[in-house]
Amino acid sequence: MLWRLIKFVATIAVLGAIGIAGYAYVGDLTPPASEQSMTVTLDES
């Protein structure tokens, strides 16, 4: 009985890892691009 539970948990963990890896390769993980500008004041010394 305990061996079945360990086997089930290991199977779920492996399937979850495969799912996350597949999503990382297929899914669009790039952040949306936006233009940013910042004023900079430089000292003259």
PDB file of N, CA and C in Angstrom:
ATOM      1  N   MET A   1       0.827  -1.200   0.000  1.00  0.00           N
ATOM      2  CA  MET A   1       0.000   0.000   0.000  1.00  0.00           C
ATOM      3  C   MET A   1       0.869   1.261   0.000  1.00  0.00           C
ATOM      4  N   LEU A   2       1.881   1.289   0.870  1.00  0.00           N
ATOM      5  CA  LEU A   2       2.759   2.456   0.947  1.00  0.00           C
ATOM      6  C   LEU A   2       3.557   2.616  -0.346  1.00  0.00           C
ATOM      7  N   TRP A   3       3.969   1.501  -0.939  1.00  0.00           N
ATOM      8  CA  TRP A   3       4.714   1.561  -2.194  1.00  0.00           C
ATOM      9  C   TRP A   3       3.867   2.177  -3.301  1.00  0.00           C
ATOM     10  N   ARG A   4       2.568   1.878  -3.333  1.00  0.00           N
ATOM     11  CA  ARG A   4       1.672   2.474  -4.333  1.00  0.00           C
ATOM     12  C   ARG A   4       1.584   3.982  -4.155  1.00  0.00           C
ATOM     13  N   LEU A   5       1.510   4.441  -2.908  1.00  0.00           N
ATOM     14  CA  LEU A   5       1.428   5.876  -2.633  1.00  0.00           C
ATOM     15  C   LEU A   5       2.703   6.583  -3.072  1.00  0.00           C
ATOM     16  N   ILE A   6       3.846   5.995  -2.770  1.00  0.00           N
ATOM     17  CA  ILE A   6       5.123   6.587  -3.180  1.00  0.00           C
ATOM     18  C   ILE A   6       5.229   6.627  -4.698  1.00  0.00           C
ATOM     19  N   LYS A   7       4.811   5.570  -5.350  1.00  0.00           N
ATOM     20  CA  LYS A   7       4.846   5.514  -6.813  1.00  0.00           C
ATOM     21  C   LYS A   7       3.905   6.562  -7.418  1.00  0.00           C
ATOM     22  N   PHE A   8       2.728   6.739  -6.832  1.00  0.00           N
ATOM     23  CA  PHE A   8       1.771   7.729  -7.316  1.00  0.00           C
ATOM     24  C   PHE A   8       2.320   9.145  -7.160  1.00  0.00           C
ATOM     25  N   VAL A   9       2.889   9.452  -5.998  1.00  0.00           N
ATOM     26  CA  VAL A   9       3.447  10.786  -5.758  1.00  0.00           C
ATOM     27  C   VAL A   9       4.620  11.048  -6.696  1.00  0.00           C
ATOM     28  N   ALA A  10       5.463  10.053  -6.920  1.00  0.00           N
ATOM     29  CA  ALA A  10       6.590  10.219  -7.837  1.00  0.00           C
ATOM     30  C   ALA A  10       6.103  10.450  -9.262  1.00  0.00           C
ATOM     31  N   THR A  11       5.067   9.748  -9.670  1.00  0.00           N
ATOM     32  CA  THR A  11       4.507   9.930 -11.010  1.00  0.00           C
ATOM     33  C   THR A  11       3.935  11.331 -11.176  1.00  0.00           C
ATOM     34  N   ILE A  12       3.207  11.804 -10.181  1.00  0.00           N
ATOM     35  CA  ILE A  12       2.647  13.157 -10.243  1.00  0.00           C
ATOM     36  C   ILE A  12       3.763  14.197 -10.285  1.00  0.00           C
ATOM     37  N   ALA A  13       4.832  13.991  -9.518  1.00  0.00           N
ATOM     38  CA  ALA A  13       5.954  14.930  -9.517  1.00  0.00           C
ATOM     39  C   ALA A  13       6.642  14.969 -10.875  1.00  0.00           C
ATOM     40  N   VAL A  14       6.841  13.811 -11.492  1.00  0.00           N
ATOM     41  CA  VAL A  14       7.487  13.761 -12.810  1.00  0.00           C
ATOM     42  C   VAL A  14       6.600  14.420 -13.860  1.00  0.00           C
ATOM     43  N   LEU A  15       5.315  14.138 -13.832  1.00  0.00           N
ATOM     44  CA  LEU A  15       4.405  14.767 -14.794  1.00  0.00           C
ATOM     45  C   LEU A  15       4.344  16.279 -14.595  1.00  0.00           C
ATOM     46  N   GLY A  16       4.372  16.724 -13.361  1.00  0.00           N
ATOM     47  CA  GLY A  16       4.384  18.161 -13.091  1.00  0.00           C
ATOM     48  C   GLY A  16       5.644  18.824 -13.611  1.00  0.00           C
ATOM     49  N   ALA A  17       6.784  18.180 -13.418  1.00  0.00           N
ATOM     50  CA  ALA A  17       8.042  18.732 -13.916  1.00  0.00           C
ATOM     51  C   ALA A  17       8.048  18.795 -15.440  1.00  0.00           C
ATOM     52  N   ILE A  18       7.528  17.770 -16.090  1.00  0.00           N
ATOM     53  CA  ILE A  18       7.431  17.779 -17.555  1.00  0.00           C
ATOM     54  C   ILE A  18       6.492  18.887 -18.012  1.00  0.00           C
ATOM     55  N   GLY A  19       5.393  19.071 -17.309  1.00  0.00           N
ATOM     56  CA  GLY A  19       4.450  20.131 -17.665  1.00  0.00           C
ATOM     57  C   GLY A  19       5.051  21.512 -17.521  1.00  0.00           C
ATOM     58  N   ILE A  20       5.782  21.748 -16.439  1.00  0.00           N
ATOM     59  CA  ILE A  20       6.416  23.056 -16.238  1.00  0.00           C
ATOM     60  C   ILE A  20       7.492  23.299 -17.293  1.00  0.00           C
ATOM     61  N   ALA A  21       8.291  22.278 -17.606  1.00  0.00           N
ATOM     62  CA  ALA A  21       9.321  22.428 -18.637  1.00  0.00           C
ATOM     63  C   ALA A  21       8.687  22.686 -19.999  1.00  0.00           C
ATOM     64  N   GLY A  22       7.604  22.000 -20.307  1.00  0.00           N
ATOM     65  CA  GLY A  22       6.907  22.231 -21.570  1.00  0.00           C
ATOM     66  C   GLY A  22       6.331  23.626 -21.658  1.00  0.00           C
ATOM     67  N   TYR A  23       5.779  24.114 -20.572  1.00  0.00           N
ATOM     68  CA  TYR A  23       5.234  25.472 -20.570  1.00  0.00           C
ATOM     69  C   TYR A  23       6.349  26.498 -20.732  1.00  0.00           C
ATOM     70  N   ALA A  24       7.503  26.244 -20.138  1.00  0.00           N
ATOM     71  CA  ALA A  24       8.626  27.174 -20.262  1.00  0.00           C
ATOM     72  C   ALA A  24       9.120  27.242 -21.706  1.00  0.00           C
ATOM     73  N   TYR A  25       9.090  26.128 -22.428  1.00  0.00           N
ATOM     74  CA  TYR A  25       9.542  26.131 -23.815  1.00  0.00           C
ATOM     75  C   TYR A  25       8.483  26.664 -24.774  1.00  0.00           C
ATOM     76  N   VAL A  26       7.218  26.386 -24.524  1.00  0.00           N
ATOM     77  CA  VAL A  26       6.158  26.731 -25.465  1.00  0.00           C
ATOM     78  C   VAL A  26       5.497  28.053 -25.104  1.00  0.00           C
ATOM     79  N   GLY A  27       5.324  28.313 -23.821  1.00  0.00           N
ATOM     80  CA  GLY A  27       4.605  29.501 -23.372  1.00  0.00           C
ATOM     81  C   GLY A  27       5.374  30.775 -23.660  1.00  0.00           C
ATOM     82  N   ASP A  28       4.656  31.858 -23.818  1.00  0.00           N
ATOM     83  CA  ASP A  28       5.260  33.160 -24.067  1.00  0.00           C
ATOM     84  C   ASP A  28       5.601  33.791 -22.723  1.00  0.00           C
ATOM     85  N   LEU A  29       6.875  33.772 -22.370  1.00  0.00           N
ATOM     86  CA  LEU A  29       7.301  34.275 -21.071  1.00  0.00           C
ATOM     87  C   LEU A  29       7.974  35.640 -21.157  1.00  0.00           C
ATOM     88  N   THR A  30       7.982  36.256 -22.342  1.00  0.00           N
ATOM     89  CA  THR A  30       8.625  37.558 -22.473  1.00  0.00           C
ATOM     90  C   THR A  30       7.736  38.637 -21.870  1.00  0.00           C
ATOM     91  N   PRO A  31       8.308  39.565 -21.125  1.00  0.00           N
ATOM     92  CA  PRO A  31       7.506  40.643 -20.548  1.00  0.00           C
ATOM     93  C   PRO A  31       7.098  41.634 -21.627  1.00  0.00           C
ATOM     94  N   PRO A  32       6.003  42.344 -21.437  1.00  0.00           N
ATOM     95  CA  PRO A  32       5.592  43.345 -22.425  1.00  0.00           C
ATOM     96  C   PRO A  32       6.606  44.490 -22.477  1.00  0.00           C
ATOM     97  N   ALA A  33       6.953  44.893 -23.688  1.00  0.00           N
ATOM     98  CA  ALA A  33       7.935  45.961 -23.867  1.00  0.00           C
ATOM     99  C   ALA A  33       7.273  47.319 -23.675  1.00  0.00           C
ATOM    100  N   SER A  34       7.963  48.202 -22.979  1.00  0.00           N
ATOM    101  CA  SER A  34       7.469  49.566 -22.801  1.00  0.00           C
ATOM    102  C   SER A  34       8.661  50.510 -22.768  1.00  0.00           C
ATOM    103  N   GLU A  35       8.483  51.681 -23.358  1.00  0.00           N
ATOM    104  CA  GLU A  35       9.557  52.659 -23.406  1.00  0.00           C
ATOM    105  C   GLU A  35       9.600  53.425 -22.097  1.00  0.00           C
ATOM    106  N   GLN A  36      10.810  53.597 -21.564  1.00  0.00           N
ATOM    107  CA  GLN A  36      10.985  54.323 -20.313  1.00  0.00           C
ATOM    108  C   GLN A  36      12.044  55.387 -20.512  1.00  0.00           C
ATOM    109  N   SER A  37      11.797  56.566 -19.965  1.00  0.00           N
ATOM    110  CA  SER A  37      12.790  57.636 -20.034  1.00  0.00           C
ATOM    111  C   SER A  37      12.965  58.231 -18.642  1.00  0.00           C
ATOM    112  N   MET A  38      14.212  58.647 -18.348  1.00  0.00           N
ATOM    113  CA  MET A  38      14.520  59.188 -17.040  1.00  0.00           C
ATOM    114  C   MET A  38      15.482  60.355 -17.224  1.00  0.00           C
ATOM    115  N   THR A  39      15.186  61.477 -16.586  1.00  0.00           N
ATOM    116  CA  THR A  39      16.087  62.622 -16.666  1.00  0.00           C
ATOM    117  C   THR A  39      17.202  62.440 -15.647  1.00  0.00           C
ATOM    118  N   VAL A  40      18.418  62.804 -16.077  1.00  0.00           N
ATOM    119  CA  VAL A  40      19.594  62.653 -15.221  1.00  0.00           C
ATOM    120  C   VAL A  40      20.281  63.995 -15.116  1.00  0.00           C
ATOM    121  N   THR A  41      20.578  64.414 -13.896  1.00  0.00           N
ATOM    122  CA  THR A  41      21.299  65.658 -13.663  1.00  0.00           C
ATOM    123  C   THR A  41      22.731  65.316 -13.276  1.00  0.00           C
ATOM    124  N   LEU A  42      23.701  65.855 -14.040  1.00  0.00           N
ATOM    125  CA  LEU A  42      25.109  65.578 -13.789  1.00  0.00           C
ATOM    126  C   LEU A  42      25.764  66.781 -13.130  1.00  0.00           C
ATOM    127  N   ASP A  43      26.633  66.540 -12.159  1.00  0.00           N
ATOM    128  CA  ASP A  43      27.388  67.622 -11.524  1.00  0.00           C
ATOM    129  C   ASP A  43      28.520  68.047 -12.451  1.00  0.00           C
ATOM    130  N   GLU A  44      28.851  69.350 -12.420  1.00  0.00           N
ATOM    131  CA  GLU A  44      29.903  69.868 -13.295  1.00  0.00           C
ATOM    132  C   GLU A  44      31.263  69.877 -12.619  1.00  0.00           C
ATOM    133  N   SER A  45      31.412  69.311 -11.472  1.00  0.00           N
ATOM    134  CA  SER A  45      32.691  69.368 -10.762  1.00  0.00           C
ATOM    135  C   SER A  45      33.660  68.330 -11.194  1.00  0.00           C
TER     136      SER A  45
END
